């Protein structure tokens, strides 16, 4: 089974996807982490983020794997575990820039499909249900108000030891939403058959109940 969870930055889809994958015993494919990894590698290599061909080349040459380590989902790139180094504000901005390149997205979709098809998986990102796995058995679009997402992002930054300003973070969230929804290739949008979950006033457990019910509704007719 493929479970596709899409939504804007800071909506809580990463936390929801992780808990759902643990509950079901499925692989968790964090596509955002994959883009962040490519951005991280591009920055380290001194590659111009606007050089689509150079960034796409990096994307094609990386090998990805996901494992739960001490309860946390970790992305391994070419055998090396990456964690907080791909969660910085700089890498986040770089990931948004490179993800707008058509050639980079093509390379990453192939990578995501390769990893996701290995076993039953939960995938989260911005175009899973519309582009990567349009035939996914379960699709969800997880969202929240921009203000709520900005507060959550600020908390993440503080956990990483970074200073942040709420108004600046909110401004970046709004700008990123605009970039993600207006890009020509695979824009962020809700799949027609996706269940919409607004997490602004919901707890993680409430969100999980909605998604688990959706999964069970699909699995029951199949006798699983």
C-alpha atoms as a PDB file:
ATOM      1  CA  UNK A   1       0.000   0.000   0.000  1.00  0.00           C
ATOM      2  CA  UNK A   2       1.084   3.547  -0.747  1.00  0.00           C
ATOM      3  CA  UNK A   3      -0.158   6.366   1.516  1.00  0.00           C
ATOM      4  CA  UNK A   4       0.435   9.852   0.087  1.00  0.00           C
ATOM      5  CA  UNK A   5       0.425  12.820   2.460  1.00  0.00           C
ATOM      6  CA  UNK A   6       0.783  16.262   0.897  1.00  0.00           C
ATOM      7  CA  UNK A   7       0.589  19.788   2.254  1.00  0.00           C
ATOM      8  CA  UNK A   8       2.403  23.099   2.756  1.00  0.00           C
ATOM      9  CA  UNK A   9       5.422  23.687   5.010  1.00  0.00           C
ATOM     10  CA  UNK A  10       4.730  23.554   8.738  1.00  0.00           C
ATOM     11  CA  UNK A  11       1.306  21.922   8.483  1.00  0.00           C
ATOM     12  CA  UNK A  12       2.415  18.976  10.607  1.00  0.00           C
ATOM     13  CA  UNK A  13       2.523  16.398   7.823  1.00  0.00           C
ATOM     14  CA  UNK A  14       6.004  15.172   8.795  1.00  0.00           C
ATOM     15  CA  UNK A  15       4.957  14.382  12.363  1.00  0.00           C
ATOM     16  CA  UNK A  16       1.698  12.810  11.217  1.00  0.00           C
ATOM     17  CA  UNK A  17       3.427  10.729   8.538  1.00  0.00           C
ATOM     18  CA  UNK A  18       6.023   9.478  11.006  1.00  0.00           C
ATOM     19  CA  UNK A  19       3.485   8.415  13.619  1.00  0.00           C
ATOM     20  CA  UNK A  20       1.255   6.797  10.993  1.00  0.00           C
ATOM     21  CA  UNK A  21       4.172   4.832   9.532  1.00  0.00           C
ATOM     22  CA  UNK A  22       5.171   3.604  12.999  1.00  0.00           C
ATOM     23  CA  UNK A  23       1.609   2.552  13.779  1.00  0.00           C
ATOM     24  CA  UNK A  24       1.254   0.616  10.527  1.00  0.00           C
ATOM     25  CA  UNK A  25       4.800  -0.719  10.408  1.00  0.00           C
ATOM     26  CA  UNK A  26       5.332   0.921   7.025  1.00  0.00           C
ATOM     27  CA  UNK A  27       8.415   2.579   5.564  1.00  0.00           C
ATOM     28  CA  UNK A  28       8.412   6.367   5.888  1.00  0.00           C
ATOM     29  CA  UNK A  29       9.728   8.215   2.837  1.00  0.00           C
ATOM     30  CA  UNK A  30      10.325  11.874   3.709  1.00  0.00           C
ATOM     31  CA  UNK A  31      10.503  13.497   0.280  1.00  0.00           C
ATOM     32  CA  UNK A  32      11.173  16.885   1.830  1.00  0.00           C
ATOM     33  CA  UNK A  33      14.284  15.438   3.441  1.00  0.00           C
ATOM     34  CA  UNK A  34      15.333  14.167   0.035  1.00  0.00           C
ATOM     35  CA  UNK A  35      15.091  17.646  -1.502  1.00  0.00           C
ATOM     36  CA  UNK A  36      16.831  19.117   1.532  1.00  0.00           C
ATOM     37  CA  UNK A  37      19.611  16.582   1.084  1.00  0.00           C
ATOM     38  CA  UNK A  38      20.109  17.574  -2.549  1.00  0.00           C
ATOM     39  CA  UNK A  39      20.129  21.243  -1.507  1.00  0.00           C
ATOM     40  CA  UNK A  40      22.618  20.477   1.273  1.00  0.00           C
ATOM     41  CA  UNK A  41      24.914  18.649  -1.136  1.00  0.00           C
ATOM     42  CA  UNK A  42      24.625  21.465  -3.702  1.00  0.00           C
ATOM     43  CA  UNK A  43      25.502  24.095  -1.103  1.00  0.00           C
ATOM     44  CA  UNK A  44      28.471  22.068   0.104  1.00  0.00           C
ATOM     45  CA  UNK A  45      29.695  21.634  -3.460  1.00  0.00           C
ATOM     46  CA  UNK A  46      29.427  25.367  -4.089  1.00  0.00           C
ATOM     47  CA  UNK A  47      26.978  24.791  -6.928  1.00  0.00           C
ATOM     48  CA  UNK A  48      24.872  27.732  -8.107  1.00  0.00           C
ATOM     49  CA  UNK A  49      21.326  26.861  -7.006  1.00  0.00           C
ATOM     50  CA  UNK A  50      20.061  28.436 -10.211  1.00  0.00           C
ATOM     51  CA  UNK A  51      22.104  26.009 -12.331  1.00  0.00           C
ATOM     52  CA  UNK A  52      19.379  23.470 -13.044  1.00  0.00           C
ATOM     53  CA  UNK A  53      21.599  20.992 -14.900  1.00  0.00           C
ATOM     54  CA  UNK A  54      24.255  20.942 -12.176  1.00  0.00           C
ATOM     55  CA  UNK A  55      21.730  20.454  -9.354  1.00  0.00           C
ATOM     56  CA  UNK A  56      19.861  17.754 -11.320  1.00  0.00           C
ATOM     57  CA  UNK A  57      23.144  15.921 -11.815  1.00  0.00           C
ATOM     58  CA  UNK A  58      23.670  15.878  -8.055  1.00  0.00           C
ATOM     59  CA  UNK A  59      20.102  14.616  -7.531  1.00  0.00           C
ATOM     60  CA  UNK A  60      20.615  11.723  -9.937  1.00  0.00           C
ATOM     61  CA  UNK A  61      23.864  10.551  -8.387  1.00  0.00           C
ATOM     62  CA  UNK A  62      22.670  10.286  -4.771  1.00  0.00           C
ATOM     63  CA  UNK A  63      21.483   7.061  -3.162  1.00  0.00           C
ATOM     64  CA  UNK A  64      18.690   7.346  -0.578  1.00  0.00           C
ATOM     65  CA  UNK A  65      17.527   5.086   2.203  1.00  0.00           C
ATOM     66  CA  UNK A  66      15.238   5.630   5.197  1.00  0.00           C
ATOM     67  CA  UNK A  67      15.535   3.904   8.560  1.00  0.00           C
ATOM     68  CA  UNK A  68      13.997   4.424  11.972  1.00  0.00           C
ATOM     69  CA  UNK A  69      16.840   5.070  14.419  1.00  0.00           C
ATOM     70  CA  UNK A  70      15.849   5.215  18.097  1.00  0.00           C
ATOM     71  CA  UNK A  71      12.284   5.957  17.056  1.00  0.00           C
ATOM     72  CA  UNK A  72      13.173   8.731  14.601  1.00  0.00           C
ATOM     73  CA  UNK A  73      13.059   8.456  10.822  1.00  0.00           C
ATOM     74  CA  UNK A  74      16.495   9.193   9.397  1.00  0.00           C
ATOM     75  CA  UNK A  75      17.500   9.755   5.786  1.00  0.00           C
ATOM     76  CA  UNK A  76      20.740   8.148   4.697  1.00  0.00           C
ATOM     77  CA  UNK A  77      22.487   9.646   1.696  1.00  0.00           C
ATOM     78  CA  UNK A  78      25.148   7.451   0.129  1.00  0.00           C
ATOM     79  CA  UNK A  79      25.227   5.519   3.393  1.00  0.00           C
ATOM     80  CA  UNK A  80      25.635   8.591   5.648  1.00  0.00           C
ATOM     81  CA  UNK A  81      22.928   9.624   8.112  1.00  0.00           C
ATOM     82  CA  UNK A  82      21.773  13.248   7.875  1.00  0.00           C
ATOM     83  CA  UNK A  83      19.751  15.021  10.550  1.00  0.00           C
ATOM     84  CA  UNK A  84      19.909  18.607  11.824  1.00  0.00           C
ATOM     85  CA  UNK A  85      22.363  19.688   9.131  1.00  0.00           C
ATOM     86  CA  UNK A  86      19.539  19.510   6.555  1.00  0.00           C
ATOM     87  CA  UNK A  87      17.003  21.273   8.827  1.00  0.00           C
ATOM     88  CA  UNK A  88      18.563  24.744   8.878  1.00  0.00           C
ATOM     89  CA  UNK A  89      16.851  27.834   7.470  1.00  0.00           C
ATOM     90  CA  UNK A  90      19.548  28.120   4.779  1.00  0.00           C
ATOM     91  CA  UNK A  91      18.959  24.577   3.547  1.00  0.00           C
ATOM     92  CA  UNK A  92      15.190  25.087   3.713  1.00  0.00           C
ATOM     93  CA  UNK A  93      15.399  28.127   1.434  1.00  0.00           C
ATOM     94  CA  UNK A  94      17.777  26.324  -0.919  1.00  0.00           C
ATOM     95  CA  UNK A  95      15.443  23.302  -1.112  1.00  0.00           C
ATOM     96  CA  UNK A  96      12.543  25.526  -2.139  1.00  0.00           C
ATOM     97  CA  UNK A  97      14.670  27.066  -4.899  1.00  0.00           C
ATOM     98  CA  UNK A  98      15.980  23.828  -6.393  1.00  0.00           C
ATOM     99  CA  UNK A  99      12.601  22.087  -6.176  1.00  0.00           C
ATOM    100  CA  UNK A 100      11.271  24.550  -8.773  1.00  0.00           C
ATOM    101  CA  UNK A 101      13.667  23.204 -11.430  1.00  0.00           C
ATOM    102  CA  UNK A 102      11.869  20.746 -13.783  1.00  0.00           C
ATOM    103  CA  UNK A 103      14.951  18.556 -14.318  1.00  0.00           C
ATOM    104  CA  UNK A 104      15.550  18.323 -10.583  1.00  0.00           C
ATOM    105  CA  UNK A 105      11.942  17.339  -9.940  1.00  0.00           C
ATOM    106  CA  UNK A 106      12.084  14.693 -12.672  1.00  0.00           C
ATOM    107  CA  UNK A 107      15.174  13.168 -11.086  1.00  0.00           C
ATOM    108  CA  UNK A 108      13.631  13.282  -7.621  1.00  0.00           C
ATOM    109  CA  UNK A 109      10.313  11.738  -8.681  1.00  0.00           C
ATOM    110  CA  UNK A 110      12.261   8.778 -10.061  1.00  0.00           C
ATOM    111  CA  UNK A 111      14.194   8.532  -6.791  1.00  0.00           C
ATOM    112  CA  UNK A 112      10.998   8.718  -4.712  1.00  0.00           C
ATOM    113  CA  UNK A 113       9.239   6.058  -6.783  1.00  0.00           C
ATOM    114  CA  UNK A 114      12.249   3.777  -6.523  1.00  0.00           C
ATOM    115  CA  UNK A 115      12.375   4.059  -2.736  1.00  0.00           C
ATOM    116  CA  UNK A 116       8.596   3.959  -2.225  1.00  0.00           C
ATOM    117  CA  UNK A 117       8.022   0.851  -4.305  1.00  0.00           C
ATOM    118  CA  UNK A 118      10.390  -1.169  -2.152  1.00  0.00           C
ATOM    119  CA  UNK A 119       7.655  -1.915   0.419  1.00  0.00           C
ATOM    120  CA  UNK A 120       4.379  -0.551   1.831  1.00  0.00           C
ATOM    121  CA  UNK A 121       5.165   3.097   2.431  1.00  0.00           C
ATOM    122  CA  UNK A 122       3.956   6.406   3.774  1.00  0.00           C
ATOM    123  CA  UNK A 123       5.279   9.270   1.645  1.00  0.00           C
ATOM    124  CA  UNK A 124       4.951  12.929   2.529  1.00  0.00           C
ATOM    125  CA  UNK A 125       5.690  15.962   0.438  1.00  0.00           C
ATOM    126  CA  UNK A 126       3.941  18.414  -1.879  1.00  0.00           C
ATOM    127  CA  UNK A 127       3.151  16.395  -4.996  1.00  0.00           C
ATOM    128  CA  UNK A 128       2.974  12.779  -3.856  1.00  0.00           C
ATOM    129  CA  UNK A 129      -0.709  12.228  -4.562  1.00  0.00           C
ATOM    130  CA  UNK A 130      -0.716  14.241  -7.780  1.00  0.00           C
ATOM    131  CA  UNK A 131       2.616  13.381  -9.442  1.00  0.00           C
ATOM    132  CA  UNK A 132       4.764  10.782  -7.659  1.00  0.00           C
ATOM    133  CA  UNK A 133       2.040   8.252  -6.823  1.00  0.00           C
ATOM    134  CA  UNK A 134      -1.238   9.428  -8.397  1.00  0.00           C
ATOM    135  CA  UNK A 135      -2.548   5.879  -7.944  1.00  0.00           C
ATOM    136  CA  UNK A 136      -1.833   5.801  -4.185  1.00  0.00           C
ATOM    137  CA  UNK A 137      -4.526   3.889  -2.270  1.00  0.00           C
ATOM    138  CA  UNK A 138      -4.798   6.591   0.405  1.00  0.00           C
ATOM    139  CA  UNK A 139      -4.263  10.315  -0.144  1.00  0.00           C
ATOM    140  CA  UNK A 140      -4.391  13.132   2.408  1.00  0.00           C
ATOM    141  CA  UNK A 141      -3.825  16.876   2.152  1.00  0.00           C
ATOM    142  CA  UNK A 142      -2.663  18.172   5.528  1.00  0.00           C
ATOM    143  CA  UNK A 143      -2.801  21.935   5.993  1.00  0.00           C
ATOM    144  CA  UNK A 144      -2.997  24.686   8.650  1.00  0.00           C
ATOM    145  CA  UNK A 145      -3.151  28.477   8.801  1.00  0.00           C
ATOM    146  CA  UNK A 146       0.005  30.361   7.806  1.00  0.00           C
ATOM    147  CA  UNK A 147       0.221  31.858  11.317  1.00  0.00           C
ATOM    148  CA  UNK A 148       0.126  28.434  12.959  1.00  0.00           C
ATOM    149  CA  UNK A 149       2.721  27.078  10.582  1.00  0.00           C
ATOM    150  CA  UNK A 150       5.016  30.047  11.238  1.00  0.00           C
ATOM    151  CA  UNK A 151       4.858  29.422  14.993  1.00  0.00           C
ATOM    152  CA  UNK A 152       5.685  25.764  14.473  1.00  0.00           C
ATOM    153  CA  UNK A 153       8.631  26.621  12.219  1.00  0.00           C
ATOM    154  CA  UNK A 154       9.942  29.076  14.812  1.00  0.00           C
ATOM    155  CA  UNK A 155       9.821  26.345  17.457  1.00  0.00           C
ATOM    156  CA  UNK A 156      11.788  24.012  15.157  1.00  0.00           C
ATOM    157  CA  UNK A 157      14.423  26.683  14.627  1.00  0.00           C
ATOM    158  CA  UNK A 158      14.769  27.249  18.362  1.00  0.00           C
ATOM    159  CA  UNK A 159      15.204  23.497  18.888  1.00  0.00           C
ATOM    160  CA  UNK A 160      18.085  23.644  16.399  1.00  0.00           C
ATOM    161  CA  UNK A 161      19.632  26.539  18.332  1.00  0.00           C
ATOM    162  CA  UNK A 162      18.743  29.111  15.673  1.00  0.00           C
ATOM    163  CA  UNK A 163      17.395  32.565  16.359  1.00  0.00           C
ATOM    164  CA  UNK A 164      14.254  33.573  14.526  1.00  0.00           C
ATOM    165  CA  UNK A 165      11.751  36.389  14.209  1.00  0.00           C
ATOM    166  CA  UNK A 166       8.072  35.455  13.966  1.00  0.00           C
ATOM    167  CA  UNK A 167       7.201  38.088  11.362  1.00  0.00           C
ATOM    168  CA  UNK A 168      10.157  37.103   9.194  1.00  0.00           C
ATOM    169  CA  UNK A 169       9.290  33.412   9.469  1.00  0.00           C
ATOM    170  CA  UNK A 170       5.655  34.150   8.595  1.00  0.00           C
ATOM    171  CA  UNK A 171       6.783  36.205   5.597  1.00  0.00           C
ATOM    172  CA  UNK A 172       8.946  33.303   4.402  1.00  0.00           C
ATOM    173  CA  UNK A 173       6.088  30.807   4.894  1.00  0.00           C
ATOM    174  CA  UNK A 174       3.756  32.946   2.754  1.00  0.00           C
ATOM    175  CA  UNK A 175       6.456  33.429   0.103  1.00  0.00           C
ATOM    176  CA  UNK A 176       7.168  29.703   0.023  1.00  0.00           C
ATOM    177  CA  UNK A 177       3.475  28.902  -0.362  1.00  0.00           C
ATOM    178  CA  UNK A 178       3.381  31.248  -3.349  1.00  0.00           C
ATOM    179  CA  UNK A 179       6.447  29.645  -4.949  1.00  0.00           C
ATOM    180  CA  UNK A 180       5.197  26.110  -4.341  1.00  0.00           C
ATOM    181  CA  UNK A 181       1.662  26.684  -5.615  1.00  0.00           C
ATOM    182  CA  UNK A 182       2.603  28.800  -8.645  1.00  0.00           C
ATOM    183  CA  UNK A 183       5.558  26.850 -10.036  1.00  0.00           C
ATOM    184  CA  UNK A 184       5.002  25.431 -13.513  1.00  0.00           C
ATOM    185  CA  UNK A 185       6.115  21.887 -12.738  1.00  0.00           C
ATOM    186  CA  UNK A 186       4.246  19.798 -10.129  1.00  0.00           C
ATOM    187  CA  UNK A 187       2.792  22.683  -8.110  1.00  0.00           C
ATOM    188  CA  UNK A 188       1.531  22.118  -4.581  1.00  0.00           C
ATOM    189  CA  UNK A 189      -2.150  21.295  -4.811  1.00  0.00           C
ATOM    190  CA  UNK A 190      -4.708  18.964  -3.324  1.00  0.00           C
ATOM    191  CA  UNK A 191      -5.417  15.746  -5.217  1.00  0.00           C
ATOM    192  CA  UNK A 192      -9.101  15.507  -6.103  1.00  0.00           C
ATOM    193  CA  UNK A 193      -9.510  12.230  -4.169  1.00  0.00           C
ATOM    194  CA  UNK A 194      -7.522  13.332  -1.094  1.00  0.00           C
ATOM    195  CA  UNK A 195      -9.042  13.779   2.348  1.00  0.00           C
ATOM    196  CA  UNK A 196      -8.339  17.312   3.617  1.00  0.00           C
ATOM    197  CA  UNK A 197      -7.164  17.621   7.222  1.00  0.00           C
ATOM    198  CA  UNK A 198      -6.764  21.129   8.697  1.00  0.00           C
ATOM    199  CA  UNK A 199      -4.469  20.755  11.718  1.00  0.00           C
ATOM    200  CA  UNK A 200      -4.771  24.350  12.953  1.00  0.00           C
ATOM    201  CA  UNK A 201      -6.998  23.364  15.880  1.00  0.00           C
ATOM    202  CA  UNK A 202      -6.306  19.611  15.938  1.00  0.00           C
ATOM    203  CA  UNK A 203      -4.001  17.469  18.054  1.00  0.00           C
ATOM    204  CA  UNK A 204      -1.718  14.900  16.434  1.00  0.00           C
ATOM    205  CA  UNK A 205      -3.863  12.075  17.820  1.00  0.00           C
ATOM    206  CA  UNK A 206      -6.996  13.592  16.289  1.00  0.00           C
ATOM    207  CA  UNK A 207      -5.297  13.801  12.907  1.00  0.00           C
ATOM    208  CA  UNK A 208      -4.052  10.229  13.210  1.00  0.00           C
ATOM    209  CA  UNK A 209      -7.544   8.968  13.984  1.00  0.00           C
ATOM    210  CA  UNK A 210      -8.821  10.506  10.755  1.00  0.00           C
ATOM    211  CA  UNK A 211      -6.027   8.975   8.674  1.00  0.00           C
ATOM    212  CA  UNK A 212      -6.130   5.555  10.338  1.00  0.00           C
ATOM    213  CA  UNK A 213      -9.862   5.384   9.639  1.00  0.00           C
ATOM    214  CA  UNK A 214      -9.151   6.179   5.991  1.00  0.00           C
ATOM    215  CA  UNK A 215      -6.511   3.435   5.801  1.00  0.00           C
ATOM    216  CA  UNK A 216      -8.776   0.875   7.451  1.00  0.00           C
ATOM    217  CA  UNK A 217     -11.599   1.728   5.056  1.00  0.00           C
ATOM    218  CA  UNK A 218      -9.292   0.849   2.151  1.00  0.00           C
ATOM    219  CA  UNK A 219      -7.744  -2.231   3.743  1.00  0.00           C
ATOM    220  CA  UNK A 220     -10.996  -3.858   4.914  1.00  0.00           C
ATOM    221  CA  UNK A 221     -12.430  -4.605   1.437  1.00  0.00           C
ATOM    222  CA  UNK A 222      -9.082  -6.162   0.548  1.00  0.00           C
ATOM    223  CA  UNK A 223      -9.220  -8.459   3.575  1.00  0.00           C
ATOM    224  CA  UNK A 224      -6.046  -7.032   5.125  1.00  0.00           C
END
